[in-house]
Protein backbone atom coordinates (compact mmCIF):
# COMPACT_ATOMS: atom_id res chain seq x y z
CA UNK A 1 135.14 93.66 105.84
CA UNK A 2 132.02 91.44 105.54
CA UNK A 3 130.30 89.99 108.49
CA UNK A 4 128.52 86.88 107.27
CA UNK A 5 125.38 86.85 109.33
CA UNK A 6 123.85 84.61 106.74
CA UNK A 7 126.33 81.87 107.80
CA UNK A 8 125.49 82.29 111.45
CA UNK A 9 121.74 82.12 110.78
CA UNK A 10 122.14 79.10 108.52
CA UNK A 11 124.11 77.28 111.16
CA UNK A 12 121.58 78.08 113.82
CA UNK A 13 118.72 76.73 111.72
CA UNK A 14 120.69 73.70 110.68
CA UNK A 15 121.49 72.94 114.32
CA UNK A 16 117.85 73.32 115.25
CA UNK A 17 116.82 71.06 112.44
CA UNK A 18 119.37 68.44 113.63
CA UNK A 19 118.25 68.75 117.26
CA UNK A 20 121.65 70.22 118.27
CA UNK A 21 120.73 73.88 118.75
CA UNK A 22 122.03 75.56 121.95
CA UNK A 23 121.40 79.23 122.74
CA UNK A 24 124.36 81.52 123.38
CA UNK A 25 127.16 83.35 121.79
CA UNK A 26 129.17 81.86 118.95
CA UNK A 27 132.27 83.18 117.34
CA UNK A 28 132.68 82.65 113.64
CA UNK A 29 136.00 83.70 112.06
CA UNK A 30 137.70 83.13 108.73
CA UNK A 31 137.86 79.38 109.23
CA UNK A 32 134.10 79.20 109.81
CA UNK A 33 133.42 81.60 106.97
CA UNK A 34 131.91 84.07 109.43
CA UNK A 35 133.91 87.08 108.14
CA UNK A 36 135.61 88.02 104.95
CA UNK A 37 136.73 90.95 102.88
CA UNK A 38 134.63 92.67 100.21
CA UNK A 39 136.04 92.77 96.72
CA UNK A 40 133.39 94.21 94.46
CA UNK A 41 132.96 96.68 91.60
CA UNK A 42 133.59 99.66 93.99
CA UNK A 43 137.05 98.70 95.11
CA UNK A 44 138.15 96.21 92.42
CA UNK A 45 140.04 98.90 90.51
CA UNK A 46 142.05 99.73 93.68
CA UNK A 47 143.26 96.16 94.29
CA UNK A 48 146.01 94.71 92.09
CA UNK A 49 146.22 90.99 91.40
CA UNK A 50 149.34 90.93 93.61
CA UNK A 51 147.44 92.56 96.56
CA UNK A 52 144.59 90.09 96.12
CA UNK A 53 146.95 87.13 96.14
CA UNK A 54 148.66 88.46 99.25
CA UNK A 55 145.24 88.85 101.01
CA UNK A 56 144.19 85.43 100.02
CA UNK A 57 147.49 83.96 101.27
CA UNK A 58 147.22 85.85 104.55
CA UNK A 59 143.63 84.64 104.95
CA UNK A 60 144.73 81.03 104.47
CA UNK A 61 147.68 81.59 106.94
CA UNK A 62 145.22 82.68 109.57
CA UNK A 63 142.96 79.72 108.89
CA UNK A 64 145.97 77.35 109.08
CA UNK A 65 147.09 78.90 112.38
CA UNK A 66 150.34 80.21 110.96
CA UNK A 67 149.34 83.85 111.67
CA UNK A 68 147.74 84.68 115.01
CA UNK A 69 145.29 87.58 115.17
CA UNK A 70 145.50 89.61 118.35
CA UNK A 71 142.20 89.72 120.36
CA UNK A 72 141.76 93.27 121.59
CA UNK A 73 139.16 92.13 124.07
CA UNK A 74 141.67 90.08 126.01
CA UNK A 75 144.06 92.93 126.75
CA UNK A 76 142.10 96.10 125.88
CA UNK A 77 145.09 97.17 123.90
CA UNK A 78 146.42 97.04 120.35
CA UNK A 79 149.83 95.46 119.67
CA UNK A 80 150.53 97.63 116.66
């Protein structure tokens, strides 16, 4: 998993530059490019093309709202 802090920082600076900055907590998910998955030289040999396609399809399904991700903080429990 990759937490894209660079995206959050960029958004904050851009909002400040545009005069729209507000302090507080922001949640950046897949749709906002705030998180992702790491596919690099260390794990590339472990991931088949089929697995990569499935992950990319699932990522898009989450972004499109077709797959809902359970928020542990709402119930303090895991559904699975």
